PDB file of N, CA and C in Angstrom:
ATOM      1  N   UNK A   1      44.142   3.922 -30.970  1.00  0.00           N
ATOM      2  CA  UNK A   1      42.788   3.886 -30.453  1.00  0.00           C
ATOM      3  C   UNK A   1      42.800   4.370 -29.003  1.00  0.00           C
ATOM      4  N   UNK A   2      41.941   5.310 -28.670  1.00  0.00           N
ATOM      5  CA  UNK A   2      41.831   5.798 -27.299  1.00  0.00           C
ATOM      6  C   UNK A   2      40.828   4.966 -26.533  1.00  0.00           C
ATOM      7  N   UNK A   3      41.201   4.571 -25.344  1.00  0.00           N
ATOM      8  CA  UNK A   3      40.310   3.852 -24.452  1.00  0.00           C
ATOM      9  C   UNK A   3      39.906   4.788 -23.322  1.00  0.00           C
ATOM     10  N   UNK A   4      38.673   4.688 -22.820  1.00  0.00           N
ATOM     11  CA  UNK A   4      38.236   5.556 -21.723  1.00  0.00           C
ATOM     12  C   UNK A   4      39.158   5.470 -20.512  1.00  0.00           C
ATOM     13  N   UNK A   5      39.674   4.286 -20.218  1.00  0.00           N
ATOM     14  CA  UNK A   5      40.544   4.127 -19.040  1.00  0.00           C
ATOM     15  C   UNK A   5      41.853   4.878 -19.216  1.00  0.00           C
ATOM     16  N   UNK A   6      42.400   4.869 -20.422  1.00  0.00           N
ATOM     17  CA  UNK A   6      43.652   5.578 -20.656  1.00  0.00           C
ATOM     18  C   UNK A   6      43.418   7.089 -20.591  1.00  0.00           C
ATOM     19  N   UNK A   7      42.255   7.551 -21.040  1.00  0.00           N
ATOM     20  CA  UNK A   7      41.917   8.966 -20.898  1.00  0.00           C
ATOM     21  C   UNK A   7      41.808   9.334 -19.421  1.00  0.00           C
ATOM     22  N   UNK A   8      41.203   8.455 -18.629  1.00  0.00           N
ATOM     23  CA  UNK A   8      41.087   8.678 -17.190  1.00  0.00           C
ATOM     24  C   UNK A   8      42.468   8.710 -16.553  1.00  0.00           C
ATOM     25  N   UNK A   9      43.348   7.793 -16.934  1.00  0.00           N
ATOM     26  CA  UNK A   9      44.703   7.776 -16.393  1.00  0.00           C
ATOM     27  C   UNK A   9      45.424   9.077 -16.719  1.00  0.00           C
ATOM     28  N   UNK A  10      45.242   9.571 -17.919  1.00  0.00           N
ATOM     29  CA  UNK A  10      45.866  10.828 -18.309  1.00  0.00           C
ATOM     30  C   UNK A  10      45.360  11.979 -17.435  1.00  0.00           C
ATOM     31  N   UNK A  11      44.054  12.025 -17.191  1.00  0.00           N
ATOM     32  CA  UNK A  11      43.496  13.081 -16.326  1.00  0.00           C
ATOM     33  C   UNK A  11      44.009  12.944 -14.899  1.00  0.00           C
ATOM     34  N   UNK A  12      44.053  11.719 -14.376  1.00  0.00           N
ATOM     35  CA  UNK A  12      44.553  11.505 -13.013  1.00  0.00           C
ATOM     36  C   UNK A  12      46.022  11.879 -12.909  1.00  0.00           C
ATOM     37  N   UNK A  13      46.764  11.584 -13.958  1.00  0.00           N
ATOM     38  CA  UNK A  13      48.176  11.938 -13.979  1.00  0.00           C
ATOM     39  C   UNK A  13      48.347  13.440 -13.789  1.00  0.00           C
ATOM     40  N   UNK A  14      47.538  14.209 -14.478  1.00  0.00           N
ATOM     41  CA  UNK A  14      47.608  15.665 -14.345  1.00  0.00           C
ATOM     42  C   UNK A  14      47.072  16.140 -13.007  1.00  0.00           C
ATOM     43  N   UNK A  15      45.933  15.622 -12.580  1.00  0.00           N
ATOM     44  CA  UNK A  15      45.286  16.092 -11.352  1.00  0.00           C
ATOM     45  C   UNK A  15      46.038  15.695 -10.090  1.00  0.00           C
ATOM     46  N   UNK A  16      46.671  14.515 -10.088  1.00  0.00           N
ATOM     47  CA  UNK A  16      47.289  13.994  -8.877  1.00  0.00           C
ATOM     48  C   UNK A  16      48.801  13.816  -9.001  1.00  0.00           C
ATOM     49  N   UNK A  17      49.388  14.383 -10.045  1.00  0.00           N
ATOM     50  CA  UNK A  17      50.840  14.323 -10.258  1.00  0.00           C
ATOM     51  C   UNK A  17      51.371  12.892 -10.260  1.00  0.00           C
ATOM     52  N   UNK A  18      50.673  12.016 -10.966  1.00  0.00           N
ATOM     53  CA  UNK A  18      51.143  10.646 -11.161  1.00  0.00           C
ATOM     54  C   UNK A  18      51.962  10.646 -12.449  1.00  0.00           C
ATOM     55  N   UNK A  19      53.242  10.429 -12.326  1.00  0.00           N
ATOM     56  CA  UNK A  19      54.127  10.469 -13.490  1.00  0.00           C
ATOM     57  C   UNK A  19      54.499   9.038 -13.875  1.00  0.00           C
ATOM     58  N   UNK A  20      54.194   8.670 -15.092  1.00  0.00           N
ATOM     59  CA  UNK A  20      54.474   7.312 -15.534  1.00  0.00           C
ATOM     60  C   UNK A  20      55.166   7.324 -16.887  1.00  0.00           C
ATOM     61  N   UNK A  21      55.953   6.281 -17.115  1.00  0.00           N
ATOM     62  CA  UNK A  21      56.663   6.168 -18.381  1.00  0.00           C
ATOM     63  C   UNK A  21      56.029   5.130 -19.295  1.00  0.00           C
ATOM     64  N   UNK A  22      55.199   4.256 -18.731  1.00  0.00           N
ATOM     65  CA  UNK A  22      54.497   3.243 -19.524  1.00  0.00           C
ATOM     66  C   UNK A  22      53.166   2.948 -18.845  1.00  0.00           C
ATOM     67  N   UNK A  23      52.166   2.626 -19.656  1.00  0.00           N
ATOM     68  CA  UNK A  23      50.844   2.305 -19.106  1.00  0.00           C
ATOM     69  C   UNK A  23      50.108   1.390 -20.073  1.00  0.00           C
ATOM     70  N   UNK A  24      49.256   0.554 -19.511  1.00  0.00           N
ATOM     71  CA  UNK A  24      48.372  -0.275 -20.327  1.00  0.00           C
ATOM     72  C   UNK A  24      47.153  -0.642 -19.493  1.00  0.00           C
ATOM     73  N   UNK A  25      46.169  -1.217 -20.168  1.00  0.00           N
ATOM     74  CA  UNK A  25      44.945  -1.599 -19.466  1.00  0.00           C
ATOM     75  C   UNK A  25      44.364  -2.852 -20.080  1.00  0.00           C
ATOM     76  N   UNK A  26      43.623  -3.565 -19.250  1.00  0.00           N
ATOM     77  CA  UNK A  26      42.824  -4.700 -19.693  1.00  0.00           C
ATOM     78  C   UNK A  26      41.386  -4.427 -19.286  1.00  0.00           C
ATOM     79  N   UNK A  27      40.451  -4.699 -20.175  1.00  0.00           N
ATOM     80  CA  UNK A  27      39.027  -4.563 -19.869  1.00  0.00           C
ATOM     81  C   UNK A  27      38.343  -5.855 -20.287  1.00  0.00           C
ATOM     82  N   UNK A  28      37.522  -6.402 -19.377  1.00  0.00           N
ATOM     83  CA  UNK A  28      36.776  -7.624 -19.690  1.00  0.00           C
ATOM     84  C   UNK A  28      35.347  -7.479 -19.186  1.00  0.00           C
ATOM     85  N   UNK A  29      34.395  -7.875 -20.001  1.00  0.00           N
ATOM     86  CA  UNK A  29      33.003  -7.958 -19.580  1.00  0.00           C
ATOM     87  C   UNK A  29      32.644  -9.414 -19.390  1.00  0.00           C
ATOM     88  N   UNK A  30      32.187  -9.770 -18.168  1.00  0.00           N
ATOM     89  CA  UNK A  30      31.862 -11.158 -17.903  1.00  0.00           C
ATOM     90  C   UNK A  30      31.020 -11.258 -16.641  1.00  0.00           C
ATOM     91  N   UNK A  31      30.517 -12.454 -16.366  1.00  0.00           N
ATOM     92  CA  UNK A  31      29.652 -12.679 -15.206  1.00  0.00           C
ATOM     93  C   UNK A  31      30.434 -12.811 -13.896  1.00  0.00           C
ATOM     94  N   UNK A  32      31.641 -13.394 -13.955  1.00  0.00           N
ATOM     95  CA  UNK A  32      32.404 -13.659 -12.737  1.00  0.00           C
ATOM     96  C   UNK A  32      33.860 -13.237 -12.909  1.00  0.00           C
ATOM     97  N   UNK A  33      34.546 -13.062 -11.788  1.00  0.00           N
ATOM     98  CA  UNK A  33      35.972 -12.738 -11.814  1.00  0.00           C
ATOM     99  C   UNK A  33      36.744 -13.857 -12.503  1.00  0.00           C
ATOM    100  N   UNK A  34      36.407 -15.100 -12.167  1.00  0.00           N
ATOM    101  CA  UNK A  34      37.120 -16.238 -12.746  1.00  0.00           C
ATOM    102  C   UNK A  34      36.960 -16.287 -14.261  1.00  0.00           C
ATOM    103  N   UNK A  35      35.748 -16.076 -14.748  1.00  0.00           N
ATOM    104  CA  UNK A  35      35.502 -16.105 -16.199  1.00  0.00           C
ATOM    105  C   UNK A  35      36.233 -14.950 -16.890  1.00  0.00           C
ATOM    106  N   UNK A  36      36.225 -13.766 -16.273  1.00  0.00           N
ATOM    107  CA  UNK A  36      36.932 -12.620 -16.850  1.00  0.00           C
ATOM    108  C   UNK A  36      38.426 -12.897 -16.888  1.00  0.00           C
ATOM    109  N   UNK A  37      38.968 -13.422 -15.801  1.00  0.00           N
ATOM    110  CA  UNK A  37      40.395 -13.734 -15.743  1.00  0.00           C
ATOM    111  C   UNK A  37      40.769 -14.768 -16.808  1.00  0.00           C
ATOM    112  N   UNK A  38      39.963 -15.808 -16.935  1.00  0.00           N
ATOM    113  CA  UNK A  38      40.244 -16.832 -17.950  1.00  0.00           C
ATOM    114  C   UNK A  38      40.234 -16.246 -19.354  1.00  0.00           C
ATOM    115  N   UNK A  39      39.281 -15.368 -19.646  1.00  0.00           N
ATOM    116  CA  UNK A  39      39.232 -14.780 -20.990  1.00  0.00           C
ATOM    117  C   UNK A  39      40.444 -13.884 -21.237  1.00  0.00           C
ATOM    118  N   UNK A  40      40.880 -13.141 -20.212  1.00  0.00           N
ATOM    119  CA  UNK A  40      42.064 -12.294 -20.371  1.00  0.00           C
ATOM    120  C   UNK A  40      43.324 -13.141 -20.552  1.00  0.00           C
ATOM    121  N   UNK A  41      43.438 -14.223 -19.808  1.00  0.00           N
ATOM    122  CA  UNK A  41      44.624 -15.078 -19.917  1.00  0.00           C
ATOM    123  C   UNK A  41      44.657 -15.837 -21.240  1.00  0.00           C
ATOM    124  N   UNK A  42      43.508 -15.992 -21.903  1.00  0.00           N
ATOM    125  CA  UNK A  42      43.460 -16.647 -23.212  1.00  0.00           C
ATOM    126  C   UNK A  42      43.711 -15.690 -24.371  1.00  0.00           C
ATOM    127  N   UNK A  43      43.906 -14.411 -24.055  1.00  0.00           N
ATOM    128  CA  UNK A  43      44.231 -13.404 -25.066  1.00  0.00           C
ATOM    129  C   UNK A  43      45.714 -13.052 -24.914  1.00  0.00           C
ATOM    130  N   UNK A  44      46.531 -13.304 -25.946  1.00  0.00           N
ATOM    131  CA  UNK A  44      47.973 -13.063 -25.803  1.00  0.00           C
ATOM    132  C   UNK A  44      48.342 -11.642 -25.336  1.00  0.00           C
ATOM    133  N   UNK A  45      47.700 -10.618 -25.874  1.00  0.00           N
ATOM    134  CA  UNK A  45      48.076  -9.248 -25.486  1.00  0.00           C
ATOM    135  C   UNK A  45      47.643  -8.925 -24.056  1.00  0.00           C
ATOM    136  N   UNK A  46      46.483  -9.427 -23.649  1.00  0.00           N
ATOM    137  CA  UNK A  46      46.036  -9.189 -22.271  1.00  0.00           C
ATOM    138  C   UNK A  46      46.891  -9.986 -21.284  1.00  0.00           C
ATOM    139  N   UNK A  47      47.209 -11.213 -21.641  1.00  0.00           N
ATOM    140  CA  UNK A  47      48.065 -12.055 -20.796  1.00  0.00           C
ATOM    141  C   UNK A  47      49.435 -11.401 -20.622  1.00  0.00           C
ATOM    142  N   UNK A  48      49.949 -10.820 -21.692  1.00  0.00           N
ATOM    143  CA  UNK A  48      51.242 -10.128 -21.616  1.00  0.00           C
ATOM    144  C   UNK A  48      51.202  -9.004 -20.581  1.00  0.00           C
ATOM    145  N   UNK A  49      50.120  -8.228 -20.553  1.00  0.00           N
ATOM    146  CA  UNK A  49      49.984  -7.175 -19.542  1.00  0.00           C
ATOM    147  C   UNK A  49      49.983  -7.755 -18.132  1.00  0.00           C
ATOM    148  N   UNK A  50      49.229  -8.834 -17.930  1.00  0.00           N
ATOM    149  CA  UNK A  50      49.107  -9.440 -16.601  1.00  0.00           C
ATOM    150  C   UNK A  50      50.452  -9.963 -16.107  1.00  0.00           C
ATOM    151  N   UNK A  51      51.216 -10.586 -16.969  1.00  0.00           N
ATOM    152  CA  UNK A  51      52.460 -11.227 -16.559  1.00  0.00           C
ATOM    153  C   UNK A  51      53.689 -10.329 -16.665  1.00  0.00           C
ATOM    154  N   UNK A  52      53.538  -9.143 -17.213  1.00  0.00           N
ATOM    155  CA  UNK A  52      54.679  -8.260 -17.440  1.00  0.00           C
ATOM    156  C   UNK A  52      55.325  -7.797 -16.134  1.00  0.00           C
ATOM    157  N   UNK A  53      56.647  -7.794 -16.129  1.00  0.00           N
ATOM    158  CA  UNK A  53      57.379  -7.214 -14.999  1.00  0.00           C
ATOM    159  C   UNK A  53      57.729  -5.756 -15.297  1.00  0.00           C
ATOM    160  N   UNK A  54      57.201  -5.224 -16.387  1.00  0.00           N
ATOM    161  CA  UNK A  54      57.493  -3.857 -16.794  1.00  0.00           C
ATOM    162  C   UNK A  54      56.648  -2.802 -16.109  1.00  0.00           C
ATOM    163  N   UNK A  55      55.765  -3.193 -15.221  1.00  0.00           N
ATOM    164  CA  UNK A  55      54.916  -2.248 -14.491  1.00  0.00           C
ATOM    165  C   UNK A  55      55.142  -2.430 -13.002  1.00  0.00           C
ATOM    166  N   UNK A  56      55.077  -1.316 -12.264  1.00  0.00           N
ATOM    167  CA  UNK A  56      55.266  -1.446 -10.819  1.00  0.00           C
ATOM    168  C   UNK A  56      54.038  -1.045 -10.006  1.00  0.00           C
ATOM    169  N   UNK A  57      52.949  -0.658 -10.673  1.00  0.00           N
ATOM    170  CA  UNK A  57      51.687  -0.387  -9.984  1.00  0.00           C
ATOM    171  C   UNK A  57      50.532  -0.933 -10.813  1.00  0.00           C
ATOM    172  N   UNK A  58      49.502  -1.390 -10.103  1.00  0.00           N
ATOM    173  CA  UNK A  58      48.306  -1.919 -10.763  1.00  0.00           C
ATOM    174  C   UNK A  58      47.081  -1.444  -9.990  1.00  0.00           C
ATOM    175  N   UNK A  59      46.048  -1.107 -10.717  1.00  0.00           N
ATOM    176  CA  UNK A  59      44.760  -0.769 -10.106  1.00  0.00           C
ATOM    177  C   UNK A  59      43.672  -1.618 -10.733  1.00  0.00           C
ATOM    178  N   UNK A  60      42.675  -1.981  -9.943  1.00  0.00           N
ATOM    179  CA  UNK A  60      41.577  -2.822 -10.419  1.00  0.00           C
ATOM    180  C   UNK A  60      40.259  -2.156 -10.081  1.00  0.00           C
ATOM    181  N   UNK A  61      39.336  -2.172 -11.036  1.00  0.00           N
ATOM    182  CA  UNK A  61      37.979  -1.678 -10.815  1.00  0.00           C
ATOM    183  C   UNK A  61      36.969  -2.672 -11.352  1.00  0.00           C
ATOM    184  N   UNK A  62      35.858  -2.807 -10.640  1.00  0.00           N
ATOM    185  CA  UNK A  62      34.780  -3.704 -11.062  1.00  0.00           C
ATOM    186  C   UNK A  62      33.469  -2.950 -10.918  1.00  0.00           C
ATOM    187  N   UNK A  63      32.641  -3.000 -11.958  1.00  0.00           N
ATOM    188  CA  UNK A  63      31.328  -2.361 -11.870  1.00  0.00           C
ATOM    189  C   UNK A  63      30.272  -3.241 -12.528  1.00  0.00           C
ATOM    190  N   UNK A  64      29.054  -3.102 -12.049  1.00  0.00           N
ATOM    191  CA  UNK A  64      27.939  -3.835 -12.645  1.00  0.00           C
ATOM    192  C   UNK A  64      27.645  -3.290 -14.033  1.00  0.00           C
ATOM    193  N   UNK A  65      27.236  -4.176 -14.923  1.00  0.00           N
ATOM    194  CA  UNK A  65      26.927  -3.790 -16.296  1.00  0.00           C
ATOM    195  C   UNK A  65      25.753  -4.627 -16.776  1.00  0.00           C
ATOM    196  N   UNK A  66      24.710  -4.007 -17.354  1.00  0.00           N
ATOM    197  CA  UNK A  66      23.546  -4.775 -17.788  1.00  0.00           C
ATOM    198  C   UNK A  66      23.830  -5.727 -18.953  1.00  0.00           C
ATOM    199  N   UNK A  67      24.841  -5.435 -19.762  1.00  0.00           N
ATOM    200  CA  UNK A  67      25.137  -6.300 -20.913  1.00  0.00           C
ATOM    201  C   UNK A  67      25.919  -7.542 -20.525  1.00  0.00           C
ATOM    202  N   UNK A  68      26.935  -7.370 -19.672  1.00  0.00           N
ATOM    203  CA  UNK A  68      27.863  -8.462 -19.383  1.00  0.00           C
ATOM    204  C   UNK A  68      27.728  -9.035 -17.979  1.00  0.00           C
ATOM    205  N   UNK A  69      27.035  -8.348 -17.118  1.00  0.00           N
ATOM    206  CA  UNK A  69      26.993  -8.719 -15.707  1.00  0.00           C
ATOM    207  C   UNK A  69      27.920  -7.818 -14.921  1.00  0.00           C
ATOM    208  N   UNK A  70      29.196  -7.817 -15.304  1.00  0.00           N
ATOM    209  CA  UNK A  70      30.186  -6.941 -14.683  1.00  0.00           C
ATOM    210  C   UNK A  70      31.236  -6.543 -15.721  1.00  0.00           C
ATOM    211  N   UNK A  71      31.850  -5.387 -15.489  1.00  0.00           N
ATOM    212  CA  UNK A  71      32.997  -4.932 -16.262  1.00  0.00           C
ATOM    213  C   UNK A  71      34.186  -4.941 -15.311  1.00  0.00           C
ATOM    214  N   UNK A  72      35.267  -5.586 -15.730  1.00  0.00           N
ATOM    215  CA  UNK A  72      36.494  -5.677 -14.943  1.00  0.00           C
ATOM    216  C   UNK A  72      37.572  -4.863 -15.660  1.00  0.00           C
ATOM    217  N   UNK A  73      38.216  -3.958 -14.937  1.00  0.00           N
ATOM    218  CA  UNK A  73      39.262  -3.119 -15.523  1.00  0.00           C
ATOM    219  C   UNK A  73      40.539  -3.295 -14.714  1.00  0.00           C
ATOM    220  N   UNK A  74      41.639  -3.506 -15.409  1.00  0.00           N
ATOM    221  CA  UNK A  74      42.968  -3.572 -14.798  1.00  0.00           C
ATOM    222  C   UNK A  74      43.811  -2.480 -15.451  1.00  0.00           C
ATOM    223  N   UNK A  75      44.394  -1.608 -14.633  1.00  0.00           N
ATOM    224  CA  UNK A  75      45.281  -0.549 -15.131  1.00  0.00           C
ATOM    225  C   UNK A  75      46.689  -0.835 -14.620  1.00  0.00           C
ATOM    226  N   UNK A  76      47.675  -0.700 -15.498  1.00  0.00           N
ATOM    227  CA  UNK A  76      49.069  -0.952 -15.155  1.00  0.00           C
ATOM    228  C   UNK A  76      49.894   0.276 -15.505  1.00  0.00           C
ATOM    229  N   UNK A  77      50.817   0.670 -14.608  1.00  0.00           N
ATOM    230  CA  UNK A  77      51.746   1.758 -14.945  1.00  0.00           C
ATOM    231  C   UNK A  77      53.149   1.422 -14.458  1.00  0.00           C
ATOM    232  N   UNK A  78      54.101   2.001 -15.138  1.00  0.00           N
ATOM    233  CA  UNK A  78      55.498   2.023 -14.694  1.00  0.00           C
ATOM    234  C   UNK A  78      55.779   3.473 -14.370  1.00  0.00           C
ATOM    235  N   UNK A  79      56.073   3.750 -13.103  1.00  0.00           N
ATOM    236  CA  UNK A  79      56.333   5.129 -12.716  1.00  0.00           C
ATOM    237  C   UNK A  79      57.704   5.565 -13.210  1.00  0.00           C
ATOM    238  N   UNK A  80      57.804   6.866 -13.457  1.00  0.00           N
ATOM    239  CA  UNK A  80      59.089   7.432 -13.882  1.00  0.00           C
ATOM    240  C   UNK A  80      60.023   7.493 -12.686  1.00  0.00           C
ATOM    241  N   UNK A  81      61.269   7.229 -12.938  1.00  0.00           N
ATOM    242  CA  UNK A  81      62.277   7.390 -11.893  1.00  0.00           C
ATOM    243  C   UNK A  81      62.746   8.838 -11.950  1.00  0.00           C
ATOM    244  N   UNK A  82      62.528   9.532 -10.863  1.00  0.00           N
ATOM    245  CA  UNK A  82      62.924  10.933 -10.818  1.00  0.00           C
ATOM    246  C   UNK A  82      64.448  11.029 -10.705  1.00  0.00           C
ATOM    247  N   UNK A  83      64.979  12.045 -11.304  1.00  0.00           N
ATOM    248  CA  UNK A  83      66.435  12.248 -11.241  1.00  0.00           C
ATOM    249  C   UNK A  83      66.866  12.493  -9.802  1.00  0.00           C
ATOM    250  N   UNK A  84      67.973  11.911  -9.432  1.00  0.00           N
ATOM    251  CA  UNK A  84      68.516  12.123  -8.094  1.00  0.00           C
ATOM    252  C   UNK A  84      69.150  13.501  -8.037  1.00  0.00           C
ATOM    253  N   UNK A  85      68.767  14.314  -7.025  1.00  0.00           N
ATOM    254  CA  UNK A  85      69.373  15.661  -6.937  1.00  0.00           C
ATOM    255  C   UNK A  85      70.895  15.560  -6.749  1.00  0.00           C
ATOM    256  N   UNK A  86      71.588  16.427  -7.398  1.00  0.00           N
ATOM    257  CA  UNK A  86      73.050  16.466  -7.244  1.00  0.00           C
ATOM    258  C   UNK A  86      73.401  17.471  -6.155  1.00  0.00           C
ATOM    259  N   UNK A  87      74.178  17.013  -5.219  1.00  0.00           N
ATOM    260  CA  UNK A  87      74.619  17.887  -4.132  1.00  0.00           C
ATOM    261  C   UNK A  87      75.936  18.542  -4.522  1.00  0.00           C
ATOM    262  N   UNK A  88      76.134  19.802  -4.071  1.00  0.00           N
ATOM    263  CA  UNK A  88      77.408  20.482  -4.428  1.00  0.00           C
ATOM    264  C   UNK A  88      78.619  19.811  -3.811  1.00  0.00           C
TER     265      UNK A  88
END
């Protein structure tokens, strides 16, 4: 299943040379940050993303939404380790 955030990450990866080996996202619609966080922590797959040590960068976005009050997005990536140049 394609998520809009993962499509955005793919475009940013190309446009800004962000190279990653793993990525995931959490999306929650809720009235408050606390309520969104609680709902994510009560979902095993979302909680796994939040607590994972497998990512080294995280981005957060919040926007107003007429259906939920706000949409909360968390993006996680593990950057690729570039090969160390070999000197002669």
